[in-house]
PDB file of N, CA and C in Angstrom:
ATOM      1  N   MET A   1     173.384 108.733  94.184  1.00  0.00           N
ATOM      2  CA  MET A   1     173.677 108.055  92.907  1.00  0.00           C
ATOM      3  C   MET A   1     172.069 107.892  92.706  1.00  0.00           C
ATOM      4  N   ALA A   2     171.586 108.397  91.901  1.00  0.00           N
ATOM      5  CA  ALA A   2     170.169 107.891  90.801  1.00  0.00           C
ATOM      6  C   ALA A   2     169.691 106.960  90.164  1.00  0.00           C
ATOM      7  N   GLN A   3     168.073 106.156  90.927  1.00  0.00           N
ATOM      8  CA  GLN A   3     167.986 105.127  90.174  1.00  0.00           C
ATOM      9  C   GLN A   3     166.129 105.421  89.332  1.00  0.00           C
ATOM     10  N   TYR A   4     166.065 105.215  87.998  1.00  0.00           N
ATOM     11  CA  TYR A   4     164.996 105.432  87.175  1.00  0.00           C
ATOM     12  C   TYR A   4     164.536 103.791  87.525  1.00  0.00           C
ATOM     13  N   ILE A   5     163.750 103.701  86.991  1.00  0.00           N
ATOM     14  CA  ILE A   5     162.809 101.945  87.175  1.00  0.00           C
ATOM     15  C   ILE A   5     162.112 102.708  85.882  1.00  0.00           C
ATOM     16  N   TYR A   6     161.804 101.980  85.136  1.00  0.00           N
ATOM     17  CA  TYR A   6     161.217 101.466  83.748  1.00  0.00           C
ATOM     18  C   TYR A   6     160.312 100.401  84.224  1.00  0.00           C
ATOM     19  N   ASN A   7     158.706  99.935  83.961  1.00  0.00           N
ATOM     20  CA  ASN A   7     157.646  98.923  83.583  1.00  0.00           C
ATOM     21  C   ASN A   7     157.279  98.808  82.663  1.00  0.00           C
ATOM     22  N   VAL A   8     157.860  97.719  82.196  1.00  0.00           N
ATOM     23  CA  VAL A   8     157.028  98.013  80.240  1.00  0.00           C
ATOM     24  C   VAL A   8     155.873  96.795  79.982  1.00  0.00           C
ATOM     25  N   LYS A   9     155.116  96.725  80.485  1.00  0.00           N
ATOM     26  CA  LYS A   9     154.040  95.225  80.428  1.00  0.00           C
ATOM     27  C   LYS A   9     154.086  94.718  79.359  1.00  0.00           C
ATOM     28  N   LYS A  10     155.246  94.105  78.730  1.00  0.00           N
ATOM     29  CA  LYS A  10     155.198  93.696  77.338  1.00  0.00           C
ATOM     30  C   LYS A  10     155.923  92.307  76.944  1.00  0.00           C
ATOM     31  N   ASN A  11     156.310  91.775  75.947  1.00  0.00           N
ATOM     32  CA  ASN A  11     156.644  89.888  76.600  1.00  0.00           C
ATOM     33  C   ASN A  11     158.633  91.025  76.069  1.00  0.00           C
ATOM     34  N   PRO A  12     159.154  90.886  76.736  1.00  0.00           N
ATOM     35  CA  PRO A  12     160.194  91.306  75.831  1.00  0.00           C
ATOM     36  C   PRO A  12     160.914  90.642  74.478  1.00  0.00           C
ATOM     37  N   ILE A  13     161.937  90.524  74.132  1.00  0.00           N
ATOM     38  CA  ILE A  13     161.687  89.980  72.194  1.00  0.00           C
ATOM     39  C   ILE A  13     163.188  89.811  72.407  1.00  0.00           C
ATOM     40  N   SER A  14     163.481  88.126  72.370  1.00  0.00           N
ATOM     41  CA  SER A  14     164.064  87.413  73.242  1.00  0.00           C
ATOM     42  C   SER A  14     164.924  87.517  71.866  1.00  0.00           C
ATOM     43  N   LEU A  15     166.712  86.988  72.317  1.00  0.00           N
ATOM     44  CA  LEU A  15     167.970  86.930  71.362  1.00  0.00           C
ATOM     45  C   LEU A  15     167.697  85.565  70.207  1.00  0.00           C
ATOM     46  N   ASN A  16     166.767  84.963  70.571  1.00  0.00           N
ATOM     47  CA  ASN A  16     166.767  83.687  69.815  1.00  0.00           C
ATOM     48  C   ASN A  16     165.730  84.145  68.528  1.00  0.00           C
ATOM     49  N   ASP A  17     164.336  85.511  68.822  1.00  0.00           N
ATOM     50  CA  ASP A  17     163.600  85.517  67.851  1.00  0.00           C
ATOM     51  C   ASP A  17     164.446  86.933  66.813  1.00  0.00           C
ATOM     52  N   TRP A  18     165.540  87.127  67.297  1.00  0.00           N
ATOM     53  CA  TRP A  18     166.181  88.328  67.479  1.00  0.00           C
ATOM     54  C   TRP A  18     166.982  88.050  66.156  1.00  0.00           C
ATOM     55  N   TYR A  19     167.858  86.822  66.220  1.00  0.00           N
ATOM     56  CA  TYR A  19     168.741  86.273  65.288  1.00  0.00           C
ATOM     57  C   TYR A  19     167.942  85.134  64.578  1.00  0.00           C
ATOM     58  N   SER A  20     166.804  83.903  65.051  1.00  0.00           N
ATOM     59  CA  SER A  20     166.558  83.777  63.577  1.00  0.00           C
ATOM     60  C   SER A  20     165.732  84.629  62.573  1.00  0.00           C
ATOM     61  N   SER A  21     165.530  85.809  62.436  1.00  0.00           N
ATOM     62  CA  SER A  21     165.113  86.314  62.061  1.00  0.00           C
ATOM     63  C   SER A  21     165.532  86.287  60.525  1.00  0.00           C
ATOM     64  N   SER A  22     164.906  86.115  59.313  1.00  0.00           N
ATOM     65  CA  SER A  22     165.530  85.435  58.143  1.00  0.00           C
ATOM     66  C   SER A  22     166.291  86.616  57.359  1.00  0.00           C
ATOM     67  N   HIS A  23     166.358  88.044  57.687  1.00  0.00           N
ATOM     68  CA  HIS A  23     167.249  88.686  56.566  1.00  0.00           C
ATOM     69  C   HIS A  23     167.143  89.762  57.810  1.00  0.00           C
ATOM     70  N   TRP A  24     167.780  90.796  57.933  1.00  0.00           N
ATOM     71  CA  TRP A  24     168.794  91.421  58.018  1.00  0.00           C
ATOM     72  C   TRP A  24     167.027  93.305  58.104  1.00  0.00           C
ATOM     73  N   THR A  25     165.762  93.309  57.126  1.00  0.00           N
ATOM     74  CA  THR A  25     165.244  93.714  57.313  1.00  0.00           C
ATOM     75  C   THR A  25     164.259  93.778  58.184  1.00  0.00           C
ATOM     76  N   LYS A  26     163.864  92.554  58.560  1.00  0.00           N
ATOM     77  CA  LYS A  26     163.591  91.831  59.391  1.00  0.00           C
ATOM     78  C   LYS A  26     163.478  92.315  61.294  1.00  0.00           C
ATOM     79  N   ARG A  27     165.109  92.630  61.438  1.00  0.00           N
ATOM     80  CA  ARG A  27     165.749  92.794  62.254  1.00  0.00           C
ATOM     81  C   ARG A  27     165.901  93.949  62.547  1.00  0.00           C
ATOM     82  N   ASN A  28     165.891  95.434  61.659  1.00  0.00           N
ATOM     83  CA  ASN A  28     165.730  96.795  61.661  1.00  0.00           C
ATOM     84  C   ASN A  28     164.921  96.772  61.932  1.00  0.00           C
ATOM     85  N   LYS A  29     163.750  96.388  61.307  1.00  0.00           N
ATOM     86  CA  LYS A  29     162.415  97.625  62.009  1.00  0.00           C
ATOM     87  C   LYS A  29     161.858  96.843  62.867  1.00  0.00           C
ATOM     88  N   GLN A  30     162.468  95.398  63.567  1.00  0.00           N
ATOM     89  CA  GLN A  30     162.459  94.934  65.420  1.00  0.00           C
ATOM     90  C   GLN A  30     162.698  95.869  65.854  1.00  0.00           C
ATOM     91  N   LYS A  31     164.037  95.643  65.275  1.00  0.00           N
ATOM     92  CA  LYS A  31     165.731  97.249  65.632  1.00  0.00           C
ATOM     93  C   LYS A  31     164.506  98.724  66.745  1.00  0.00           C
ATOM     94  N   LYS A  32     164.103  99.321  65.415  1.00  0.00           N
ATOM     95  CA  LYS A  32     163.106 100.244  65.307  1.00  0.00           C
ATOM     96  C   LYS A  32     162.084 100.768  66.097  1.00  0.00           C
ATOM     97  N   GLU A  33     160.901  99.504  66.418  1.00  0.00           N
ATOM     98  CA  GLU A  33     160.467  98.895  67.488  1.00  0.00           C
ATOM     99  C   GLU A  33     160.063  99.016  68.493  1.00  0.00           C
ATOM    100  N   TRP A  34     161.184  98.445  69.154  1.00  0.00           N
ATOM    101  CA  TRP A  34     161.903  98.032  70.031  1.00  0.00           C
ATOM    102  C   TRP A  34     162.491  99.786  70.765  1.00  0.00           C
ATOM    103  N   LYS A  35     163.105 100.732  70.061  1.00  0.00           N
ATOM    104  CA  LYS A  35     163.689 101.404  70.359  1.00  0.00           C
ATOM    105  C   LYS A  35     162.870 102.251  70.589  1.00  0.00           C
ATOM    106  N   SER A  36     161.726 102.336  70.058  1.00  0.00           N
ATOM    107  CA  SER A  36     160.773 103.588  70.137  1.00  0.00           C
ATOM    108  C   SER A  36     159.442 103.192  71.064  1.00  0.00           C
ATOM    109  N   LEU A  37     159.594 101.777  71.605  1.00  0.00           N
ATOM    110  CA  LEU A  37     158.485 101.350  72.679  1.00  0.00           C
ATOM    111  C   LEU A  37     159.672 102.459  73.689  1.00  0.00           C
ATOM    112  N   LEU A  38     161.547 102.014  73.532  1.00  0.00           N
ATOM    113  CA  LEU A  38     162.159 102.199  75.315  1.00  0.00           C
ATOM    114  C   LEU A  38     162.412 104.205  74.728  1.00  0.00           C
ATOM    115  N   GLU A  39     162.566 104.875  74.119  1.00  0.00           N
ATOM    116  CA  GLU A  39     162.129 105.843  73.837  1.00  0.00           C
ATOM    117  C   GLU A  39     160.860 105.957  74.626  1.00  0.00           C
ATOM    118  N   GLU A  40     159.490 105.913  74.497  1.00  0.00           N
ATOM    119  CA  GLU A  40     158.580 106.852  74.796  1.00  0.00           C
ATOM    120  C   GLU A  40     158.259 106.929  76.219  1.00  0.00           C
ATOM    121  N   VAL A  41     159.138 104.849  76.894  1.00  0.00           N
ATOM    122  CA  VAL A  41     159.574 104.818  78.325  1.00  0.00           C
ATOM    123  C   VAL A  41     160.151 105.245  78.744  1.00  0.00           C
ATOM    124  N   ILE A  42     161.790 106.170  78.728  1.00  0.00           N
ATOM    125  CA  ILE A  42     163.108 106.881  79.260  1.00  0.00           C
ATOM    126  C   ILE A  42     162.081 107.278  79.193  1.00  0.00           C
ATOM    127  N   SER A  43     161.350 108.690  77.687  1.00  0.00           N
ATOM    128  CA  SER A  43     160.887 110.055  78.288  1.00  0.00           C
ATOM    129  C   SER A  43     159.976 110.238  79.649  1.00  0.00           C
ATOM    130  N   ASN A  44     159.526 108.957  79.443  1.00  0.00           N
ATOM    131  CA  ASN A  44     158.065 109.606  81.018  1.00  0.00           C
ATOM    132  C   ASN A  44     159.195 109.813  82.198  1.00  0.00           C
ATOM    133  N   ASN A  45     160.814 109.228  82.253  1.00  0.00           N
ATOM    134  CA  ASN A  45     161.058 109.647  83.084  1.00  0.00           C
ATOM    135  C   ASN A  45     163.065 109.170  83.196  1.00  0.00           C
ATOM    136  N   LYS A  46     163.009 110.290  82.183  1.00  0.00           N
ATOM    137  CA  LYS A  46     164.062 110.299  81.351  1.00  0.00           C
ATOM    138  C   LYS A  46     166.146 111.207  83.107  1.00  0.00           C
ATOM    139  N   PRO A  47     166.771 110.196  82.501  1.00  0.00           N
ATOM    140  CA  PRO A  47     167.872 110.472  83.574  1.00  0.00           C
ATOM    141  C   PRO A  47     168.698 111.542  83.351  1.00  0.00           C
ATOM    142  N   SER A  48     169.384 111.841  84.204  1.00  0.00           N
ATOM    143  CA  SER A  48     170.529 113.316  83.554  1.00  0.00           C
ATOM    144  C   SER A  48     171.862 112.583  83.280  1.00  0.00           C
ATOM    145  N   LYS A  49     172.184 112.911  82.766  1.00  0.00           N
ATOM    146  CA  LYS A  49     172.961 112.370  81.393  1.00  0.00           C
ATOM    147  C   LYS A  49     174.290 111.578  82.777  1.00  0.00           C
ATOM    148  N   MET A  50     174.154 110.330  82.116  1.00  0.00           N
ATOM    149  CA  MET A  50     175.717 110.055  83.211  1.00  0.00           C
ATOM    150  C   MET A  50     176.114 108.770  82.934  1.00  0.00           C
ATOM    151  N   SER A  51     178.104 108.910  83.336  1.00  0.00           N
ATOM    152  CA  SER A  51     178.781 108.662  83.598  1.00  0.00           C
ATOM    153  C   SER A  51     179.458 107.455  82.895  1.00  0.00           C
ATOM    154  N   GLU A  52     178.958 107.192  84.905  1.00  0.00           N
ATOM    155  CA  GLU A  52     178.954 105.302  85.210  1.00  0.00           C
ATOM    156  C   GLU A  52     177.890 104.988  85.604  1.00  0.00           C
ATOM    157  N   TYR A  53     176.926 104.052  85.169  1.00  0.00           N
ATOM    158  CA  TYR A  53     175.568 103.089  85.098  1.00  0.00           C
ATOM    159  C   TYR A  53     175.129 101.657  85.052  1.00  0.00           C
ATOM    160  N   ARG A  54     174.777 100.965  86.804  1.00  0.00           N
ATOM    161  CA  ARG A  54     174.724  99.677  85.718  1.00  0.00           C
ATOM    162  C   ARG A  54     172.828  99.663  85.679  1.00  0.00           C
ATOM    163  N   ILE A  55     172.732  98.722  85.309  1.00  0.00           N
ATOM    164  CA  ILE A  55     171.261  97.934  85.076  1.00  0.00           C
ATOM    165  C   ILE A  55     171.068  96.850  85.128  1.00  0.00           C
ATOM    166  N   GLU A  56     169.947  96.306  85.334  1.00  0.00           N
ATOM    167  CA  GLU A  56     169.058  94.941  86.675  1.00  0.00           C
ATOM    168  C   GLU A  56     167.600  95.120  84.986  1.00  0.00           C
ATOM    169  N   LEU A  57     167.858  93.693  85.232  1.00  0.00           N
ATOM    170  CA  LEU A  57     166.326  93.647  84.331  1.00  0.00           C
ATOM    171  C   LEU A  57     165.729  92.796  84.834  1.00  0.00           C
ATOM    172  N   HIS A  58     164.204  92.510  85.148  1.00  0.00           N
ATOM    173  CA  HIS A  58     163.827  92.039  85.807  1.00  0.00           C
ATOM    174  C   HIS A  58     162.983  91.712  84.489  1.00  0.00           C
ATOM    175  N   VAL A  59     162.189  90.184  84.672  1.00  0.00           N
ATOM    176  CA  VAL A  59     161.835  89.642  84.072  1.00  0.00           C
ATOM    177  C   VAL A  59     160.484  88.565  83.902  1.00  0.00           C
ATOM    178  N   ASN A  60     159.562  88.538  83.633  1.00  0.00           N
ATOM    179  CA  ASN A  60     158.439  87.136  83.820  1.00  0.00           C
ATOM    180  C   ASN A  60     157.379  87.837  82.306  1.00  0.00           C
ATOM    181  N   SER A  61     158.586  85.959  82.084  1.00  0.00           N
ATOM    182  CA  SER A  61     157.823  85.810  80.851  1.00  0.00           C
ATOM    183  C   SER A  61     158.286  84.751  80.170  1.00  0.00           C
ATOM    184  N   ARG A  62     157.990  83.472  79.391  1.00  0.00           N
ATOM    185  CA  ARG A  62     158.351  82.835  78.509  1.00  0.00           C
ATOM    186  C   ARG A  62     159.308  82.241  77.753  1.00  0.00           C
ATOM    187  N   HIS A  63     159.853  83.178  78.097  1.00  0.00           N
ATOM    188  CA  HIS A  63     161.898  83.457  77.747  1.00  0.00           C
ATOM    189  C   HIS A  63     162.303  83.330  78.800  1.00  0.00           C
ATOM    190  N   ASP A  64     163.848  82.091  78.207  1.00  0.00           N
ATOM    191  CA  ASP A  64     164.905  82.086  78.802  1.00  0.00           C
ATOM    192  C   ASP A  64     164.910  82.780  79.330  1.00  0.00           C
ATOM    193  N   PRO A  65     165.523  83.645  80.735  1.00  0.00           N
ATOM    194  CA  PRO A  65     166.568  84.929  81.192  1.00  0.00           C
ATOM    195  C   PRO A  65     167.520  85.345  80.402  1.00  0.00           C
ATOM    196  N   SER A  66     168.298  84.553  80.329  1.00  0.00           N
ATOM    197  CA  SER A  66     168.943  84.973  79.043  1.00  0.00           C
ATOM    198  C   SER A  66     168.698  84.975  78.051  1.00  0.00           C
ATOM    199  N   ASN A  67     168.170  84.961  77.135  1.00  0.00           N
ATOM    200  CA  ASN A  67     168.002  85.314  75.583  1.00  0.00           C
ATOM    201  C   ASN A  67     167.097  86.517  75.729  1.00  0.00           C
ATOM    202  N   THR A  68     166.659  87.944  77.314  1.00  0.00           N
ATOM    203  CA  THR A  68     166.087  88.161  77.448  1.00  0.00           C
ATOM    204  C   THR A  68     167.183  89.535  76.917  1.00  0.00           C
ATOM    205  N   ILE A  69     168.420  89.288  77.158  1.00  0.00           N
ATOM    206  CA  ILE A  69     168.585  90.377  77.166  1.00  0.00           C
ATOM    207  C   ILE A  69     169.046  91.683  75.609  1.00  0.00           C
ATOM    208  N   THR A  70     168.764  91.225  74.708  1.00  0.00           N
ATOM    209  CA  THR A  70     168.622  91.729  73.178  1.00  0.00           C
ATOM    210  C   THR A  70     168.157  93.212  73.936  1.00  0.00           C
ATOM    211  N   VAL A  71     166.622  93.221  75.381  1.00  0.00           N
ATOM    212  CA  VAL A  71     166.799  94.065  75.777  1.00  0.00           C
ATOM    213  C   VAL A  71     167.475  95.296  75.771  1.00  0.00           C
ATOM    214  N   ILE A  72     168.298  94.002  76.933  1.00  0.00           N
ATOM    215  CA  ILE A  72     169.291  95.710  77.464  1.00  0.00           C
ATOM    216  C   ILE A  72     170.065  96.109  76.751  1.00  0.00           C
ATOM    217  N   LYS A  73     170.509  95.419  75.290  1.00  0.00           N
ATOM    218  CA  LYS A  73     170.511  95.977  73.933  1.00  0.00           C
ATOM    219  C   LYS A  73     170.632  97.520  73.028  1.00  0.00           C
ATOM    220  N   LEU A  74     169.419  97.023  73.187  1.00  0.00           N
ATOM    221  CA  LEU A  74     168.061  98.089  72.778  1.00  0.00           C
ATOM    222  C   LEU A  74     168.188  99.276  73.760  1.00  0.00           C
ATOM    223  N   PHE A  75     167.970  99.249  75.195  1.00  0.00           N
ATOM    224  CA  PHE A  75     167.846 100.359  76.264  1.00  0.00           C
ATOM    225  C   PHE A  75     169.342 100.424  76.071  1.00  0.00           C
ATOM    226  N   GLU A  76     170.330 100.747  75.944  1.00  0.00           N
ATOM    227  CA  GLU A  76     171.293 100.969  76.016  1.00  0.00           C
ATOM    228  C   GLU A  76     172.133 101.558  74.775  1.00  0.00           C
ATOM    229  N   ASP A  77     171.326 100.998  73.784  1.00  0.00           N
ATOM    230  CA  ASP A  77     171.585 102.296  72.231  1.00  0.00           C
ATOM    231  C   ASP A  77     170.268 103.378  72.350  1.00  0.00           C
ATOM    232  N   THR A  78     169.185 103.130  72.709  1.00  0.00           N
ATOM    233  CA  THR A  78     168.247 103.659  72.982  1.00  0.00           C
ATOM    234  C   THR A  78     168.864 104.559  73.582  1.00  0.00           C
ATOM    235  N   LEU A  79     169.579 104.886  75.120  1.00  0.00           N
ATOM    236  CA  LEU A  79     170.479 105.930  75.916  1.00  0.00           C
ATOM    237  C   LEU A  79     171.317 106.831  75.528  1.00  0.00           C
ATOM    238  N   LYS A  80     171.737 106.409  74.875  1.00  0.00           N
ATOM    239  CA  LYS A  80     172.797 106.834  74.335  1.00  0.00           C
ATOM    240  C   LYS A  80     172.639 107.187  73.133  1.00  0.00           C
ATOM    241  N   GLU A  81     171.135 107.129  72.171  1.00  0.00           N
ATOM    242  CA  GLU A  81     170.624 108.485  71.296  1.00  0.00           C
ATOM    243  C   GLU A  81     170.233 109.598  71.946  1.00  0.00           C
ATOM    244  N   LEU A  82     169.910 109.166  73.461  1.00  0.00           N
ATOM    245  CA  LEU A  82     169.218 110.448  74.056  1.00  0.00           C
ATOM    246  C   LEU A  82     170.279 111.284  74.897  1.00  0.00           C
ATOM    247  N   ASP A  83     171.468 110.914  74.372  1.00  0.00           N
ATOM    248  CA  ASP A  83     172.182 110.975  75.988  1.00  0.00           C
ATOM    249  C   ASP A  83     171.769 111.201  77.261  1.00  0.00           C
ATOM    250  N   CYS A  84     171.966 110.415  77.289  1.00  0.00           N
ATOM    251  CA  CYS A  84     171.362 109.597  78.446  1.00  0.00           C
ATOM    252  C   CYS A  84     173.053 109.289  79.599  1.00  0.00           C
ATOM    253  N   ILE A  85     173.455 108.225  78.525  1.00  0.00           N
ATOM    254  CA  ILE A  85     175.040 107.971  79.316  1.00  0.00           C
ATOM    255  C   ILE A  85     176.073 108.161  77.993  1.00  0.00           C
ATOM    256  N   VAL A  86     177.025 107.906  78.411  1.00  0.00           N
ATOM    257  CA  VAL A  86     178.348 108.959  77.085  1.00  0.00           C
ATOM    258  C   VAL A  86     178.604 107.619  76.770  1.00  0.00           C
ATOM    259  N   ASP A  87     178.761 106.654  76.574  1.00  0.00           N
ATOM    260  CA  ASP A  87     178.535 105.444  76.339  1.00  0.00           C
ATOM    261  C   ASP A  87     178.450 104.193  76.564  1.00  0.00           C
ATOM    262  N   ASP A  88     177.895 102.893  76.507  1.00  0.00           N
ATOM    263  CA  ASP A  88     177.443 101.770  76.564  1.00  0.00           C
ATOM    264  C   ASP A  88     179.021 100.959  76.865  1.00  0.00           C
ATOM    265  N   SER A  89     180.396 101.253  76.334  1.00  0.00           N
ATOM    266  CA  SER A  89     181.333 100.410  76.770  1.00  0.00           C
ATOM    267  C   SER A  89     181.372 100.076  77.891  1.00  0.00           C
ATOM    268  N   PRO A  90     182.568  99.133  78.378  1.00  0.00           N
ATOM    269  CA  PRO A  90     182.748  98.624  79.852  1.00  0.00           C
ATOM    270  C   PRO A  90     183.214  99.936  80.611  1.00  0.00           C
ATOM    271  N   LYS A  91     184.203 100.771  79.836  1.00  0.00           N
ATOM    272  CA  LYS A  91     184.522 102.201  80.828  1.00  0.00           C
ATOM    273  C   LYS A  91     183.313 102.959  81.784  1.00  0.00           C
ATOM    274  N   TYR A  92     181.314 102.516  81.351  1.00  0.00           N
ATOM    275  CA  TYR A  92     181.436 103.053  81.639  1.00  0.00           C
ATOM    276  C   TYR A  92     180.370 102.460  82.017  1.00  0.00           C
ATOM    277  N   CYS A  93     179.630 100.845  81.708  1.00  0.00           N
ATOM    278  CA  CYS A  93     178.695 100.178  81.979  1.00  0.00           C
ATOM    279  C   CYS A  93     179.575  99.261  83.476  1.00  0.00           C
ATOM    280  N   LYS A  94     178.983  99.653  84.420  1.00  0.00           N
ATOM    281  CA  LYS A  94     179.723  98.961  85.309  1.00  0.00           C
ATOM    282  C   LYS A  94     179.215  97.905  85.785  1.00  0.00           C
ATOM    283  N   SER A  95     178.063  96.844  85.479  1.00  0.00           N
ATOM    284  CA  SER A  95     177.291  95.820  85.585  1.00  0.00           C
ATOM    285  C   SER A  95     176.541  95.841  85.064  1.00  0.00           C
ATOM    286  N   ILE A  96     175.567  94.853  84.304  1.00  0.00           N
ATOM    287  CA  ILE A  96     174.260  94.162  84.041  1.00  0.00           C
ATOM    288  C   ILE A  96     173.836  92.531  84.957  1.00  0.00           C
ATOM    289  N   THR A  97     172.711  92.797  85.464  1.00  0.00           N
ATOM    290  CA  THR A  97     171.882  91.937  85.085  1.00  0.00           C
ATOM    291  C   THR A  97     170.647  91.484  85.350  1.00  0.00           C
ATOM    292  N   ILE A  98     170.755  90.695  85.024  1.00  0.00           N
ATOM    293  CA  ILE A  98     169.392  89.303  84.363  1.00  0.00           C
ATOM    294  C   ILE A  98     168.689  88.597  86.012  1.00  0.00           C
ATOM    295  N   LYS A  99     167.615  89.187  86.390  1.00  0.00           N
ATOM    296  CA  LYS A  99     167.124  88.534  87.208  1.00  0.00           C
ATOM    297  C   LYS A  99     165.516  87.883  86.060  1.00  0.00           C
ATOM    298  N   PRO A 100     165.083  86.706  87.049  1.00  0.00           N
ATOM    299  CA  PRO A 100     163.545  86.008  86.258  1.00  0.00           C
ATOM    300  C   PRO A 100     162.994  86.637  88.509  1.00  0.00           C
ATOM    301  N   ASP A 101     161.977  87.093  87.761  1.00  0.00           N
ATOM    302  CA  ASP A 101     160.713  88.174  88.454  1.00  0.00           C
ATOM    303  C   ASP A 101     159.394  86.975  88.716  1.00  0.00           C
ATOM    304  N   GLU A 102     158.934  86.116  88.906  1.00  0.00           N
ATOM    305  CA  GLU A 102     157.752  86.178  88.827  1.00  0.00           C
ATOM    306  C   GLU A 102     156.300  86.932  89.877  1.00  0.00           C
ATOM    307  N   ASN A 103     157.151  87.634  90.440  1.00  0.00           N
ATOM    308  CA  ASN A 103     156.259  88.754  91.494  1.00  0.00           C
ATOM    309  C   ASN A 103     155.718  89.563  90.106  1.00  0.00           C
ATOM    310  N   LEU A 104     156.729  89.656  89.128  1.00  0.00           N
ATOM    311  CA  LEU A 104     155.353  90.376  87.774  1.00  0.00           C
ATOM    312  C   LEU A 104     154.656  90.673  87.905  1.00  0.00           C
ATOM    313  N   GLU A 105     153.941  91.325  86.861  1.00  0.00           N
ATOM    314  CA  GLU A 105     152.821  90.434  85.695  1.00  0.00           C
ATOM    315  C   GLU A 105     153.612  90.019  84.296  1.00  0.00           C
ATOM    316  N   LYS A 106     152.221  89.260  83.057  1.00  0.00           N
ATOM    317  CA  LYS A 106     152.962  88.108  82.686  1.00  0.00           C
ATOM    318  C   LYS A 106     152.770  88.112  82.744  1.00  0.00           C
ATOM    319  N   PRO A 107     153.115  88.588  80.481  1.00  0.00           N
ATOM    320  CA  PRO A 107     154.594  89.013  80.229  1.00  0.00           C
ATOM    321  C   PRO A 107     154.844  90.189  80.637  1.00  0.00           C
ATOM    322  N   SER A 108     156.280  90.342  81.245  1.00  0.00           N
ATOM    323  CA  SER A 108     155.873  92.247  81.216  1.00  0.00           C
ATOM    324  C   SER A 108     157.606  91.965  81.947  1.00  0.00           C
ATOM    325  N   PHE A 109     158.770  93.768  82.040  1.00  0.00           N
ATOM    326  CA  PHE A 109     159.872  93.286  82.591  1.00  0.00           C
ATOM    327  C   PHE A 109     159.766  94.570  82.796  1.00  0.00           C
ATOM    328  N   LYS A 110     160.944  94.530  84.005  1.00  0.00           N
ATOM    329  CA  LYS A 110     161.161  95.971  84.757  1.00  0.00           C
ATOM    330  C   LYS A 110     162.785  95.806  84.187  1.00  0.00           C
ATOM    331  N   ILE A 111     163.345  96.870  84.292  1.00  0.00           N
ATOM    332  CA  ILE A 111     164.874  98.175  83.833  1.00  0.00           C
ATOM    333  C   ILE A 111     164.426  98.665  85.820  1.00  0.00           C
ATOM    334  N   VAL A 112     165.615  98.629  86.041  1.00  0.00           N
ATOM    335  CA  VAL A 112     166.719  99.741  87.261  1.00  0.00           C
ATOM    336  C   VAL A 112     167.974 100.147  86.370  1.00  0.00           C
ATOM    337  N   LEU A 113     167.947 101.022  86.487  1.00  0.00           N
ATOM    338  CA  LEU A 113     169.229 101.910  85.712  1.00  0.00           C
ATOM    339  C   LEU A 113     169.806 102.639  86.841  1.00  0.00           C
ATOM    340  N   GLU A 114     170.790 102.336  87.333  1.00  0.00           N
ATOM    341  CA  GLU A 114     171.826 103.447  88.368  1.00  0.00           C
ATOM    342  C   GLU A 114     173.140 103.810  87.793  1.00  0.00           C
ATOM    343  N   SER A 115     172.830 105.283  89.152  1.00  0.00           N
ATOM    344  CA  SER A 115     174.504 105.310  87.920  1.00  0.00           C
ATOM    345  C   SER A 115     175.312 105.675  89.433  1.00  0.00           C
ATOM    346  N   ILE A 116     176.237 105.336  89.616  1.00  0.00           N
ATOM    347  CA  ILE A 116     177.395 105.206  90.206  1.00  0.00           C
ATOM    348  C   ILE A 116     178.843 106.436  90.578  1.00  0.00           C
TER     349      ILE A 116
END
C-alpha cells in the first residue's frame, strides 16, 4: 500500500458555495481554478496508477466538515484526468473520510490518498 499526502493552505471550497453560484459559468470557473490548483499539488507527488484507493480529507476551516466534500470530488476528477486512478466509481473508490483537524493551520486541508 502506497500513501500520498497533499497539504493545501487554503480554505476548501464548500458545497454551499459551489451550489449557491447563480450560474453554471461561475461554477465552471471555480471548477477550473480548483482543478488547476489540485493538479499542481498532485504533480509534486504524483502517485502511480491505482485501481483501488481510499481518501481521507482533514480540514481546519470555517466550513462544516461535510460541506468540504466538493474538494474530494474535484480531487478525484483531477486524479482521473492525470491517469492516477482507473475511475472514481464505487468499484475503485473504497472509502472516503472527512475529519475535522484542529492541528492543521487555519484555513487549510490535507488529503491522504492511499492505494489498497
